[in-house]
Structure formats: structure tokens, C-alpha cells
PDB file of N, CA and C in Angstrom:
ATOM      1  N   MET A   1     -11.025   9.378  -2.373  1.00  0.00           N
ATOM      2  CA  MET A   1      -9.469   8.868  -2.050  1.00  0.00           C
ATOM      3  C   MET A   1      -8.838   8.999  -1.075  1.00  0.00           C
ATOM      4  N   PRO A   2      -8.492   7.749  -0.564  1.00  0.00           N
ATOM      5  CA  PRO A   2      -7.486   8.577   0.581  1.00  0.00           C
ATOM      6  C   PRO A   2      -6.248   9.001   0.325  1.00  0.00           C
ATOM      7  N   GLU A   3      -5.630   9.633   1.593  1.00  0.00           N
ATOM      8  CA  GLU A   3      -4.344   9.908   1.652  1.00  0.00           C
ATOM      9  C   GLU A   3      -3.575   8.735   1.710  1.00  0.00           C
ATOM     10  N   LEU A   4      -2.722   8.690   0.942  1.00  0.00           N
ATOM     11  CA  LEU A   4      -1.625   7.640   0.770  1.00  0.00           C
ATOM     12  C   LEU A   4       0.267   8.293   1.710  1.00  0.00           C
ATOM     13  N   LYS A   5       0.554   7.932   2.709  1.00  0.00           N
ATOM     14  CA  LYS A   5       1.465   7.665   3.299  1.00  0.00           C
ATOM     15  C   LYS A   5       2.402   5.899   3.234  1.00  0.00           C
ATOM     16  N   CYS A   6       3.151   5.881   1.938  1.00  0.00           N
ATOM     17  CA  CYS A   6       4.465   4.654   2.056  1.00  0.00           C
ATOM     18  C   CYS A   6       5.529   5.265   1.950  1.00  0.00           C
ATOM     19  N   THR A   7       6.014   4.320   3.480  1.00  0.00           N
ATOM     20  CA  THR A   7       7.435   3.662   4.060  1.00  0.00           C
ATOM     21  C   THR A   7       7.999   3.187   3.469  1.00  0.00           C
ATOM     22  N   VAL A   8       7.310   2.531   2.455  1.00  0.00           N
ATOM     23  CA  VAL A   8       8.062   1.171   1.294  1.00  0.00           C
ATOM     24  C   VAL A   8       9.200   1.623   0.819  1.00  0.00           C
ATOM     25  N   GLN A   9      10.554   2.014   1.228  1.00  0.00           N
ATOM     26  CA  GLN A   9      11.328   2.323   0.158  1.00  0.00           C
ATOM     27  C   GLN A   9      11.687   1.509  -0.533  1.00  0.00           C
ATOM     28  N   THR A  10      11.923   0.276   0.102  1.00  0.00           N
ATOM     29  CA  THR A  10      12.692  -0.972  -1.275  1.00  0.00           C
ATOM     30  C   THR A  10      11.675  -0.987  -2.739  1.00  0.00           C
ATOM     31  N   CYS A  11      10.386  -0.206  -2.464  1.00  0.00           N
ATOM     32  CA  CYS A  11       9.096  -0.332  -4.382  1.00  0.00           C
ATOM     33  C   CYS A  11       9.430   0.549  -4.665  1.00  0.00           C
ATOM     34  N   VAL A  12       9.051   0.202  -6.104  1.00  0.00           N
ATOM     35  CA  VAL A  12       9.305   0.485  -6.930  1.00  0.00           C
ATOM     36  C   VAL A  12       8.360   1.688  -7.324  1.00  0.00           C
ATOM     37  N   HIS A  13       7.161   2.050  -6.837  1.00  0.00           N
ATOM     38  CA  HIS A  13       6.599   2.633  -7.233  1.00  0.00           C
ATOM     39  C   HIS A  13       6.903   4.391  -5.952  1.00  0.00           C
ATOM     40  N   ASN A  14       7.588   3.955  -5.101  1.00  0.00           N
ATOM     41  CA  ASN A  14       7.644   4.799  -3.712  1.00  0.00           C
ATOM     42  C   ASN A  14       8.973   5.975  -4.323  1.00  0.00           C
ATOM     43  N   ASP A  15       8.192   7.040  -4.237  1.00  0.00           N
ATOM     44  CA  ASP A  15       9.223   8.027  -4.940  1.00  0.00           C
ATOM     45  C   ASP A  15       8.640   9.533  -2.873  1.00  0.00           C
ATOM     46  N   GLN A  16      10.109   9.334  -2.008  1.00  0.00           N
ATOM     47  CA  GLN A  16       9.972  10.215  -1.330  1.00  0.00           C
ATOM     48  C   GLN A  16       8.242  10.681  -0.729  1.00  0.00           C
ATOM     49  N   PHE A  17       8.581   9.071  -0.350  1.00  0.00           N
ATOM     50  CA  PHE A  17       6.953   8.201   0.885  1.00  0.00           C
ATOM     51  C   PHE A  17       6.005   8.705  -0.536  1.00  0.00           C
ATOM     52  N   LEU A  18       5.617   9.444  -1.286  1.00  0.00           N
ATOM     53  CA  LEU A  18       4.626   8.610  -2.056  1.00  0.00           C
ATOM     54  C   LEU A  18       4.513   7.673  -3.113  1.00  0.00           C
ATOM     55  N   CYS A  19       3.237   7.702  -3.693  1.00  0.00           N
ATOM     56  CA  CYS A  19       3.026   6.429  -4.658  1.00  0.00           C
ATOM     57  C   CYS A  19       2.780   7.180  -6.017  1.00  0.00           C
ATOM     58  N   ARG A  20       3.599   6.000  -6.519  1.00  0.00           N
ATOM     59  CA  ARG A  20       2.975   6.840  -8.018  1.00  0.00           C
ATOM     60  C   ARG A  20       2.467   6.022  -8.642  1.00  0.00           C
ATOM     61  N   LEU A  21       1.735   5.270  -8.082  1.00  0.00           N
ATOM     62  CA  LEU A  21       0.164   3.932  -8.647  1.00  0.00           C
ATOM     63  C   LEU A  21      -0.803   5.423  -8.367  1.00  0.00           C
ATOM     64  N   ASP A  22      -1.731   5.562  -9.456  1.00  0.00           N
ATOM     65  CA  ASP A  22      -3.395   5.911  -9.261  1.00  0.00           C
ATOM     66  C   ASP A  22      -4.156   4.921  -7.939  1.00  0.00           C
ATOM     67  N   LYS A  23      -3.430   3.294  -7.855  1.00  0.00           N
ATOM     68  CA  LYS A  23      -4.781   2.627  -7.388  1.00  0.00           C
ATOM     69  C   LYS A  23      -3.751   1.726  -7.027  1.00  0.00           C
ATOM     70  N   ILE A  24      -3.485   1.772  -5.768  1.00  0.00           N
ATOM     71  CA  ILE A  24      -2.670   0.191  -5.186  1.00  0.00           C
ATOM     72  C   ILE A  24      -3.880  -1.040  -4.269  1.00  0.00           C
ATOM     73  N   GLN A  25      -3.416  -2.186  -4.099  1.00  0.00           N
ATOM     74  CA  GLN A  25      -4.302  -2.977  -4.035  1.00  0.00           C
ATOM     75  C   GLN A  25      -4.072  -3.438  -2.200  1.00  0.00           C
ATOM     76  N   VAL A  26      -4.832  -3.519  -0.697  1.00  0.00           N
ATOM     77  CA  VAL A  26      -4.626  -3.987  -0.312  1.00  0.00           C
ATOM     78  C   VAL A  26      -4.724  -5.519  -0.099  1.00  0.00           C
ATOM     79  N   GLY A  27      -4.048  -5.948   0.546  1.00  0.00           N
ATOM     80  CA  GLY A  27      -4.708  -7.791   0.227  1.00  0.00           C
ATOM     81  C   GLY A  27      -4.435  -7.753   2.154  1.00  0.00           C
ATOM     82  N   GLY A  28      -5.027  -9.090   2.340  1.00  0.00           N
ATOM     83  CA  GLY A  28      -5.598  -9.823   3.429  1.00  0.00           C
ATOM     84  C   GLY A  28      -6.854 -10.151   4.221  1.00  0.00           C
ATOM     85  N   SER A  29      -7.585 -10.903   3.007  1.00  0.00           N
ATOM     86  CA  SER A  29      -8.511 -10.811   3.142  1.00  0.00           C
ATOM     87  C   SER A  29      -9.182 -11.762   4.612  1.00  0.00           C
ATOM     88  N   ASN A  30      -8.335 -11.948   5.226  1.00  0.00           N
ATOM     89  CA  ASN A  30      -8.840 -13.006   6.650  1.00  0.00           C
ATOM     90  C   ASN A  30      -8.064 -11.456   8.034  1.00  0.00           C
ATOM     91  N   ALA A  31      -7.555 -10.974   6.918  1.00  0.00           N
ATOM     92  CA  ALA A  31      -6.366 -10.280   8.473  1.00  0.00           C
ATOM     93  C   ALA A  31      -7.945  -9.751   9.602  1.00  0.00           C
ATOM     94  N   LYS A  32      -6.912  -9.775  10.921  1.00  0.00           N
ATOM     95  CA  LYS A  32      -7.549  -9.581  12.015  1.00  0.00           C
ATOM     96  C   LYS A  32      -6.705  -8.175  12.583  1.00  0.00           C
ATOM     97  N   ASN A  33      -5.147  -8.273  12.124  1.00  0.00           N
ATOM     98  CA  ASN A  33      -4.956  -7.621  12.931  1.00  0.00           C
ATOM     99  C   ASN A  33      -3.376  -6.779  11.009  1.00  0.00           C
ATOM    100  N   PRO A  34      -2.803  -5.727  11.199  1.00  0.00           N
ATOM    101  CA  PRO A  34      -2.464  -5.155  10.263  1.00  0.00           C
ATOM    102  C   PRO A  34      -1.065  -5.987   9.473  1.00  0.00           C
ATOM    103  N   GLN A  35      -0.238  -7.149  10.135  1.00  0.00           N
ATOM    104  CA  GLN A  35       0.448  -7.603  10.383  1.00  0.00           C
ATOM    105  C   GLN A  35       0.079  -8.513   9.080  1.00  0.00           C
ATOM    106  N   GLU A  36      -1.822  -9.412   9.504  1.00  0.00           N
ATOM    107  CA  GLU A  36      -2.127  -9.945   8.098  1.00  0.00           C
ATOM    108  C   GLU A  36      -1.821  -9.117   7.257  1.00  0.00           C
ATOM    109  N   THR A  37      -1.752  -8.030   7.168  1.00  0.00           N
ATOM    110  CA  THR A  37      -2.063  -7.531   5.147  1.00  0.00           C
ATOM    111  C   THR A  37      -0.426  -7.078   4.258  1.00  0.00           C
ATOM    112  N   CYS A  38      -1.375  -6.764   3.444  1.00  0.00           N
ATOM    113  CA  CYS A  38       0.146  -6.458   2.459  1.00  0.00           C
ATOM    114  C   CYS A  38      -0.215  -5.325   1.818  1.00  0.00           C
ATOM    115  N   CYS A  39       0.930  -5.063   1.054  1.00  0.00           N
ATOM    116  CA  CYS A  39       0.300  -3.871  -0.146  1.00  0.00           C
ATOM    117  C   CYS A  39       0.805  -4.944  -1.170  1.00  0.00           C
ATOM    118  N   ASP A  40      -0.796  -5.165  -2.188  1.00  0.00           N
ATOM    119  CA  ASP A  40      -0.017  -6.695  -3.314  1.00  0.00           C
ATOM    120  C   ASP A  40       0.092  -5.945  -4.469  1.00  0.00           C
ATOM    121  N   SER A  41       0.357  -4.321  -4.338  1.00  0.00           N
ATOM    122  CA  SER A  41       0.997  -4.083  -5.501  1.00  0.00           C
ATOM    123  C   SER A  41       1.872  -3.216  -5.537  1.00  0.00           C
ATOM    124  N   PHE A  42       2.923  -4.242  -4.406  1.00  0.00           N
ATOM    125  CA  PHE A  42       4.736  -3.608  -4.156  1.00  0.00           C
ATOM    126  C   PHE A  42       5.339  -4.309  -4.945  1.00  0.00           C
ATOM    127  N   GLN A  43       6.365  -3.661  -5.883  1.00  0.00           N
ATOM    128  CA  GLN A  43       7.038  -4.270  -6.595  1.00  0.00           C
ATOM    129  C   GLN A  43       8.461  -3.763  -6.306  1.00  0.00           C
ATOM    130  N   GLU A  44       9.391  -4.943  -5.926  1.00  0.00           N
ATOM    131  CA  GLU A  44      10.261  -4.986  -4.968  1.00  0.00           C
ATOM    132  C   GLU A  44      12.238  -3.515  -6.349  1.00  0.00           C
ATOM    133  N   ARG A  45      11.672  -2.365  -5.948  1.00  0.00           N
ATOM    134  CA  ARG A  45      13.346  -2.001  -6.519  1.00  0.00           C
ATOM    135  C   ARG A  45      14.830  -2.385  -6.974  1.00  0.00           C
ATOM    136  N   ALA A  46      14.887  -3.468  -8.733  1.00  0.00           N
ATOM    137  CA  ALA A  46      16.109  -3.356  -8.404  1.00  0.00           C
ATOM    138  C   ALA A  46      17.580  -2.191  -8.248  1.00  0.00           C
ATOM    139  N   GLU A  47      18.637  -3.414  -7.749  1.00  0.00           N
ATOM    140  CA  GLU A  47      19.604  -2.008  -7.155  1.00  0.00           C
ATOM    141  C   GLU A  47      19.902  -0.658  -8.278  1.00  0.00           C
ATOM    142  N   GLY A  48      20.084   0.062  -7.746  1.00  0.00           N
ATOM    143  CA  GLY A  48      20.284   1.535  -8.831  1.00  0.00           C
ATOM    144  C   GLY A  48      19.399   1.856  -9.343  1.00  0.00           C
ATOM    145  N   ALA A  49      18.218   1.236  -9.008  1.00  0.00           N
ATOM    146  CA  ALA A  49      17.131   1.801  -9.585  1.00  0.00           C
ATOM    147  C   ALA A  49      16.372   2.465  -9.511  1.00  0.00           C
ATOM    148  N   TYR A  50      16.708   3.313  -8.154  1.00  0.00           N
ATOM    149  CA  TYR A  50      16.171   4.232  -8.216  1.00  0.00           C
ATOM    150  C   TYR A  50      15.336   5.902  -8.417  1.00  0.00           C
ATOM    151  N   SER A  51      16.751   6.133  -9.182  1.00  0.00           N
ATOM    152  CA  SER A  51      16.527   7.054  -9.776  1.00  0.00           C
ATOM    153  C   SER A  51      16.206   6.830 -11.969  1.00  0.00           C
ATOM    154  N   ASN A  52      15.199   5.690 -11.882  1.00  0.00           N
ATOM    155  CA  ASN A  52      15.111   4.759 -12.599  1.00  0.00           C
ATOM    156  C   ASN A  52      13.291   4.476 -12.260  1.00  0.00           C
ATOM    157  N   SER A  53      13.248   5.303 -11.605  1.00  0.00           N
ATOM    158  CA  SER A  53      11.482   3.868 -10.850  1.00  0.00           C
ATOM    159  C   SER A  53      10.486   4.688 -11.732  1.00  0.00           C
ATOM    160  N   MET A  54      10.684   5.796 -12.873  1.00  0.00           N
ATOM    161  CA  MET A  54       9.399   6.497 -12.993  1.00  0.00           C
ATOM    162  C   MET A  54       9.046   5.484 -14.421  1.00  0.00           C
ATOM    163  N   SER A  55      10.291   4.919 -15.207  1.00  0.00           N
ATOM    164  CA  SER A  55      10.535   4.140 -15.795  1.00  0.00           C
ATOM    165  C   SER A  55       9.327   3.250 -15.666  1.00  0.00           C
ATOM    166  N   ASN A  56       8.885   2.382 -14.657  1.00  0.00           N
ATOM    167  CA  ASN A  56       8.792   1.064 -14.236  1.00  0.00           C
ATOM    168  C   ASN A  56       7.511   1.955 -13.564  1.00  0.00           C
ATOM    169  N   SER A  57       6.879   2.725 -13.503  1.00  0.00           N
ATOM    170  CA  SER A  57       5.389   3.160 -12.537  1.00  0.00           C
ATOM    171  C   SER A  57       4.601   3.699 -13.310  1.00  0.00           C
ATOM    172  N   ALA A  58       3.748   4.283 -12.829  1.00  0.00           N
ATOM    173  CA  ALA A  58       2.149   4.740 -13.771  1.00  0.00           C
ATOM    174  C   ALA A  58       2.811   6.117 -14.051  1.00  0.00           C
ATOM    175  N   GLY A  59       3.263   7.127 -12.973  1.00  0.00           N
ATOM    176  CA  GLY A  59       3.166   8.334 -13.360  1.00  0.00           C
ATOM    177  C   GLY A  59       3.346   8.595 -12.142  1.00  0.00           C
ATOM    178  N   GLN A  60       3.186  10.323 -12.076  1.00  0.00           N
ATOM    179  CA  GLN A  60       3.623  11.404 -11.062  1.00  0.00           C
ATOM    180  C   GLN A  60       3.440  10.591  -9.694  1.00  0.00           C
ATOM    181  N   ALA A  61       4.507  11.276  -8.587  1.00  0.00           N
ATOM    182  CA  ALA A  61       3.909  10.683  -7.253  1.00  0.00           C
ATOM    183  C   ALA A  61       2.861  11.516  -6.561  1.00  0.00           C
ATOM    184  N   SER A  62       2.085  10.878  -5.905  1.00  0.00           N
ATOM    185  CA  SER A  62       1.225  11.787  -5.692  1.00  0.00           C
ATOM    186  C   SER A  62       0.880  11.290  -3.989  1.00  0.00           C
ATOM    187  N   ASP A  63      -0.249  11.852  -2.977  1.00  0.00           N
ATOM    188  CA  ASP A  63      -0.810  11.298  -1.384  1.00  0.00           C
ATOM    189  C   ASP A  63      -1.518  11.159  -1.826  1.00  0.00           C
ATOM    190  N   ARG A  64      -2.448  11.362  -3.177  1.00  0.00           N
ATOM    191  CA  ARG A  64      -3.849  10.305  -3.086  1.00  0.00           C
ATOM    192  C   ARG A  64      -3.627   9.435  -3.069  1.00  0.00           C
ATOM    193  N   SER A  65      -5.105   8.418  -3.401  1.00  0.00           N
ATOM    194  CA  SER A  65      -4.127   7.136  -4.000  1.00  0.00           C
ATOM    195  C   SER A  65      -5.455   6.234  -3.748  1.00  0.00           C
ATOM    196  N   ASP A  66      -6.185   5.631  -5.480  1.00  0.00           N
ATOM    197  CA  ASP A  66      -7.211   4.594  -4.834  1.00  0.00           C
ATOM    198  C   ASP A  66      -6.945   3.691  -4.256  1.00  0.00           C
ATOM    199  N   ILE A  67      -7.332   2.914  -3.545  1.00  0.00           N
ATOM    200  CA  ILE A  67      -7.159   1.221  -2.838  1.00  0.00           C
ATOM    201  C   ILE A  67      -8.023   0.805  -3.249  1.00  0.00           C
ATOM    202  N   ASP A  68      -8.205  -0.810  -3.499  1.00  0.00           N
ATOM    203  CA  ASP A  68      -8.837  -1.581  -3.574  1.00  0.00           C
ATOM    204  C   ASP A  68      -7.869  -2.212  -2.483  1.00  0.00           C
ATOM    205  N   CYS A  69      -8.841  -2.905  -1.859  1.00  0.00           N
ATOM    206  CA  CYS A  69      -8.556  -3.354  -0.488  1.00  0.00           C
ATOM    207  C   CYS A  69      -9.517  -4.734  -0.462  1.00  0.00           C
ATOM    208  N   LYS A  70      -8.977  -5.650  -0.374  1.00  0.00           N
ATOM    209  CA  LYS A  70      -9.289  -7.113  -0.224  1.00  0.00           C
ATOM    210  C   LYS A  70      -9.609  -7.538   1.664  1.00  0.00           C
ATOM    211  N   ALA A  71      -9.492  -6.581   2.441  1.00  0.00           N
ATOM    212  CA  ALA A  71      -9.181  -6.733   3.897  1.00  0.00           C
ATOM    213  C   ALA A  71     -10.329  -6.646   4.384  1.00  0.00           C
ATOM    214  N   THR A  72     -10.989  -7.775   3.989  1.00  0.00           N
ATOM    215  CA  THR A  72     -12.345  -7.287   4.029  1.00  0.00           C
ATOM    216  C   THR A  72     -12.862  -6.556   5.691  1.00  0.00           C
ATOM    217  N   ASN A  73     -12.444  -7.611   6.574  1.00  0.00           N
ATOM    218  CA  ASN A  73     -12.372  -7.499   8.361  1.00  0.00           C
ATOM    219  C   ASN A  73     -11.848  -5.896   8.683  1.00  0.00           C
ATOM    220  N   CYS A  74     -11.189  -4.733   8.060  1.00  0.00           N
ATOM    221  CA  CYS A  74     -11.277  -3.907   8.111  1.00  0.00           C
ATOM    222  C   CYS A  74     -12.614  -2.840   8.569  1.00  0.00           C
ATOM    223  N   MET A  75     -12.671  -1.821   9.500  1.00  0.00           N
ATOM    224  CA  MET A  75     -13.550  -0.935   9.726  1.00  0.00           C
ATOM    225  C   MET A  75     -13.871  -0.145   8.421  1.00  0.00           C
ATOM    226  N   TYR A  76     -12.627   0.329   8.074  1.00  0.00           N
ATOM    227  CA  TYR A  76     -12.630   1.639   6.535  1.00  0.00           C
ATOM    228  C   TYR A  76     -12.936   0.590   5.391  1.00  0.00           C
ATOM    229  N   ASN A  77     -13.067  -0.588   5.090  1.00  0.00           N
ATOM    230  CA  ASN A  77     -13.543  -1.466   4.111  1.00  0.00           C
ATOM    231  C   ASN A  77     -15.132  -1.238   3.595  1.00  0.00           C
ATOM    232  N   GLU A  78     -15.332  -0.935   2.277  1.00  0.00           N
ATOM    233  CA  GLU A  78     -16.983  -1.073   2.075  1.00  0.00           C
ATOM    234  C   GLU A  78     -16.671  -1.187   0.775  1.00  0.00           C
ATOM    235  N   ASN A  79     -17.502  -2.249   0.492  1.00  0.00           N
ATOM    236  CA  ASN A  79     -17.033  -3.158  -0.781  1.00  0.00           C
ATOM    237  C   ASN A  79     -15.465  -2.647  -1.206  1.00  0.00           C
ATOM    238  N   CYS A  80     -14.769  -3.584  -0.561  1.00  0.00           N
ATOM    239  CA  CYS A  80     -13.656  -3.786  -0.790  1.00  0.00           C
ATOM    240  C   CYS A  80     -12.469  -2.392  -1.385  1.00  0.00           C
ATOM    241  N   ALA A  81     -12.858  -1.180  -1.227  1.00  0.00           N
ATOM    242  CA  ALA A  81     -13.171   0.284  -1.162  1.00  0.00           C
ATOM    243  C   ALA A  81     -12.687   0.659   0.102  1.00  0.00           C
ATOM    244  N   CYS A  82     -11.373   1.169   0.557  1.00  0.00           N
ATOM    245  CA  CYS A  82     -10.684   2.166   1.767  1.00  0.00           C
ATOM    246  C   CYS A  82     -11.655   3.553   1.944  1.00  0.00           C
ATOM    247  N   HIS A  83     -12.752   3.878   2.419  1.00  0.00           N
ATOM    248  CA  HIS A  83     -12.933   4.677   3.116  1.00  0.00           C
ATOM    249  C   HIS A  83     -12.323   5.645   3.856  1.00  0.00           C
ATOM    250  N   ALA A  84     -10.944   5.511   4.797  1.00  0.00           N
ATOM    251  CA  ALA A  84      -9.962   5.931   5.939  1.00  0.00           C
ATOM    252  C   ALA A  84      -9.828   7.232   4.461  1.00  0.00           C
ATOM    253  N   GLY A  85      -9.807   8.405   5.778  1.00  0.00           N
ATOM    254  CA  GLY A  85      -9.613   9.324   5.203  1.00  0.00           C
ATOM    255  C   GLY A  85      -7.509   9.866   4.603  1.00  0.00           C
ATOM    256  N   LYS A  86      -7.183   8.952   5.461  1.00  0.00           N
ATOM    257  CA  LYS A  86      -5.735   8.443   5.165  1.00  0.00           C
ATOM    258  C   LYS A  86      -5.207   7.351   5.303  1.00  0.00           C
ATOM    259  N   ILE A  87      -4.716   6.332   4.969  1.00  0.00           N
ATOM    260  CA  ILE A  87      -3.618   5.393   5.080  1.00  0.00           C
ATOM    261  C   ILE A  87      -1.727   5.147   5.402  1.00  0.00           C
ATOM    262  N   SER A  88      -2.090   4.241   5.963  1.00  0.00           N
ATOM    263  CA  SER A  88       0.326   4.152   6.111  1.00  0.00           C
ATOM    264  C   SER A  88       0.090   3.394   6.076  1.00  0.00           C
ATOM    265  N   VAL A  89       1.048   2.777   4.901  1.00  0.00           N
ATOM    266  CA  VAL A  89       1.564   1.685   4.370  1.00  0.00           C
ATOM    267  C   VAL A  89       3.190   1.648   5.282  1.00  0.00           C
ATOM    268  N   GLU A  90       3.454   0.249   4.884  1.00  0.00           N
ATOM    269  CA  GLU A  90       4.645   0.697   6.012  1.00  0.00           C
ATOM    270  C   GLU A  90       5.768  -0.799   5.759  1.00  0.00           C
ATOM    271  N   GLY A  91       6.857  -1.405   6.322  1.00  0.00           N
ATOM    272  CA  GLY A  91       7.338  -2.160   5.376  1.00  0.00           C
ATOM    273  C   GLY A  91       9.313  -1.796   4.562  1.00  0.00           C
ATOM    274  N   GLY A  92       9.438  -1.059   5.874  1.00  0.00           N
ATOM    275  CA  GLY A  92      11.179  -0.223   5.313  1.00  0.00           C
ATOM    276  C   GLY A  92      11.334  -1.160   4.390  1.00  0.00           C
ATOM    277  N   ASN A  93      11.658  -2.977   5.262  1.00  0.00           N
ATOM    278  CA  ASN A  93      12.931  -3.444   4.211  1.00  0.00           C
ATOM    279  C   ASN A  93      12.582  -4.434   3.020  1.00  0.00           C
ATOM    280  N   ALA A  94      11.276  -4.312   2.725  1.00  0.00           N
ATOM    281  CA  ALA A  94      10.407  -4.898   1.761  1.00  0.00           C
ATOM    282  C   ALA A  94      11.264  -5.635   1.099  1.00  0.00           C
ATOM    283  N   ILE A  95      11.022  -6.839   0.953  1.00  0.00           N
ATOM    284  CA  ILE A  95      11.461  -7.493  -0.751  1.00  0.00           C
ATOM    285  C   ILE A  95      10.411  -7.802  -1.414  1.00  0.00           C
ATOM    286  N   GLN A  96       8.862  -7.937  -0.635  1.00  0.00           N
ATOM    287  CA  GLN A  96       7.971  -8.832  -1.068  1.00  0.00           C
ATOM    288  C   GLN A  96       6.590  -7.810  -0.433  1.00  0.00           C
ATOM    289  N   ALA A  97       5.241  -8.643  -1.493  1.00  0.00           N
ATOM    290  CA  ALA A  97       4.470  -8.088  -0.724  1.00  0.00           C
ATOM    291  C   ALA A  97       4.134  -8.086   1.378  1.00  0.00           C
ATOM    292  N   GLU A  98       4.273  -9.650   1.024  1.00  0.00           N
ATOM    293  CA  GLU A  98       4.269 -10.270   2.591  1.00  0.00           C
ATOM    294  C   GLU A  98       5.323  -9.276   3.278  1.00  0.00           C
ATOM    295  N   GLY A  99       6.206  -8.621   3.108  1.00  0.00           N
ATOM    296  CA  GLY A  99       6.591  -8.136   4.226  1.00  0.00           C
ATOM    297  C   GLY A  99       6.110  -6.452   4.471  1.00  0.00           C
ATOM    298  N   THR A 100       4.405  -6.063   3.854  1.00  0.00           N
ATOM    299  CA  THR A 100       4.471  -4.882   3.711  1.00  0.00           C
ATOM    300  C   THR A 100       3.430  -5.209   4.699  1.00  0.00           C
ATOM    301  N   GLU A 101       2.215  -3.602   5.169  1.00  0.00           N
ATOM    302  CA  GLU A 101       1.112  -3.444   5.136  1.00  0.00           C
ATOM    303  C   GLU A 101       0.556  -2.008   5.540  1.00  0.00           C
ATOM    304  N   CYS A 102      -0.419  -2.592   6.163  1.00  0.00           N
ATOM    305  CA  CYS A 102      -1.757  -1.095   5.762  1.00  0.00           C
ATOM    306  C   CYS A 102      -1.395  -0.979   7.397  1.00  0.00           C
ATOM    307  N   ALA A 103      -0.768  -0.013   8.354  1.00  0.00           N
ATOM    308  CA  ALA A 103      -0.647  -0.077   9.330  1.00  0.00           C
ATOM    309  C   ALA A 103      -2.021   0.606   9.901  1.00  0.00           C
ATOM    310  N   THR A 104      -3.089   1.105   8.812  1.00  0.00           N
ATOM    311  CA  THR A 104      -4.363   2.074   8.766  1.00  0.00           C
ATOM    312  C   THR A 104      -5.401   1.595   9.044  1.00  0.00           C
ATOM    313  N   PHE A 105      -5.012  -0.338   9.188  1.00  0.00           N
ATOM    314  CA  PHE A 105      -6.006  -1.242   9.567  1.00  0.00           C
ATOM    315  C   PHE A 105      -7.006  -1.792  11.209  1.00  0.00           C
ATOM    316  N   GLN A 106      -8.152  -1.255  11.127  1.00  0.00           N
ATOM    317  CA  GLN A 106      -8.663  -1.220  12.228  1.00  0.00           C
ATOM    318  C   GLN A 106      -9.741  -2.551  11.722  1.00  0.00           C
ATOM    319  N   CYS A 107      -9.315  -4.113  12.900  1.00  0.00           N
ATOM    320  CA  CYS A 107     -10.686  -4.965  12.696  1.00  0.00           C
ATOM    321  C   CYS A 107     -11.792  -4.858  13.135  1.00  0.00           C
ATOM    322  N   HIS A 108     -12.493  -4.851  12.181  1.00  0.00           N
ATOM    323  CA  HIS A 108     -14.265  -4.906  12.883  1.00  0.00           C
ATOM    324  C   HIS A 108     -14.394  -5.953  12.936  1.00  0.00           C
ATOM    325  N   CYS A 109     -13.725  -7.037  13.483  1.00  0.00           N
ATOM    326  CA  CYS A 109     -13.790  -8.007  13.856  1.00  0.00           C
ATOM    327  C   CYS A 109     -15.509  -8.731  14.901  1.00  0.00           C
ATOM    328  N   GLY A 110     -16.325  -8.934  14.516  1.00  0.00           N
ATOM    329  CA  GLY A 110     -17.449  -9.418  15.437  1.00  0.00           C
ATOM    330  C   GLY A 110     -17.071 -10.940  16.011  1.00  0.00           C
TER     331      GLY A 110
END
């Protein structure tokens, strides 16, 4: 289970750069660079909902998460599971999943 740091403060699951979800999904089945990936688990935080984020999420925030990864060109992807030691999800002002990215993505494109 990779260590997960998330800078997407506009996501309802984000709690001080940690994620409240036990498992996230990274999209980007044809990605060749980090910008072509995204966190498909992203849900925009409603205005004023920061303190209420727990009611919309799975549980306690954690620095560990299972990663269901659809970015099959990534060197850390093994059978749609991420095997990086740690990953970083970025997208500071995202309002939808496409505004996020897995910054750890490294293409092993042939």
C-alpha cells in the first residue's frame, strides 16, 4: 500500500494533504506523462464544507491508500495496482478529476 500525499485541497476527501479514502482510482489508460493521468476518485468540496468533509468521505484521513491504477503505461503499475513506495496526487485548484494528476507517473512506453 503506497504512501499517498495529496495536494488537491479542493477535494472533499482531502484532509491536510492526506486522503480519507482507503482506495483511490487513478485514471489515464493511454497516459504517456503525468498530465494525462487524473484521480478519478476526486469529488469537489462544496463551499464551506471543509469542516464537514468527514460526512462525505469514508473515514479517517491516512497517508496510506490502495491505488487502483488504470494508467497501464506507468512503470509502477502491475495488474492495475500501484507498486510505487509513495505517490503524489496534485491539482491545487481542481474542480473536476481532469484537473488532478498522479505526479509520480513514469512512462515505460516502448
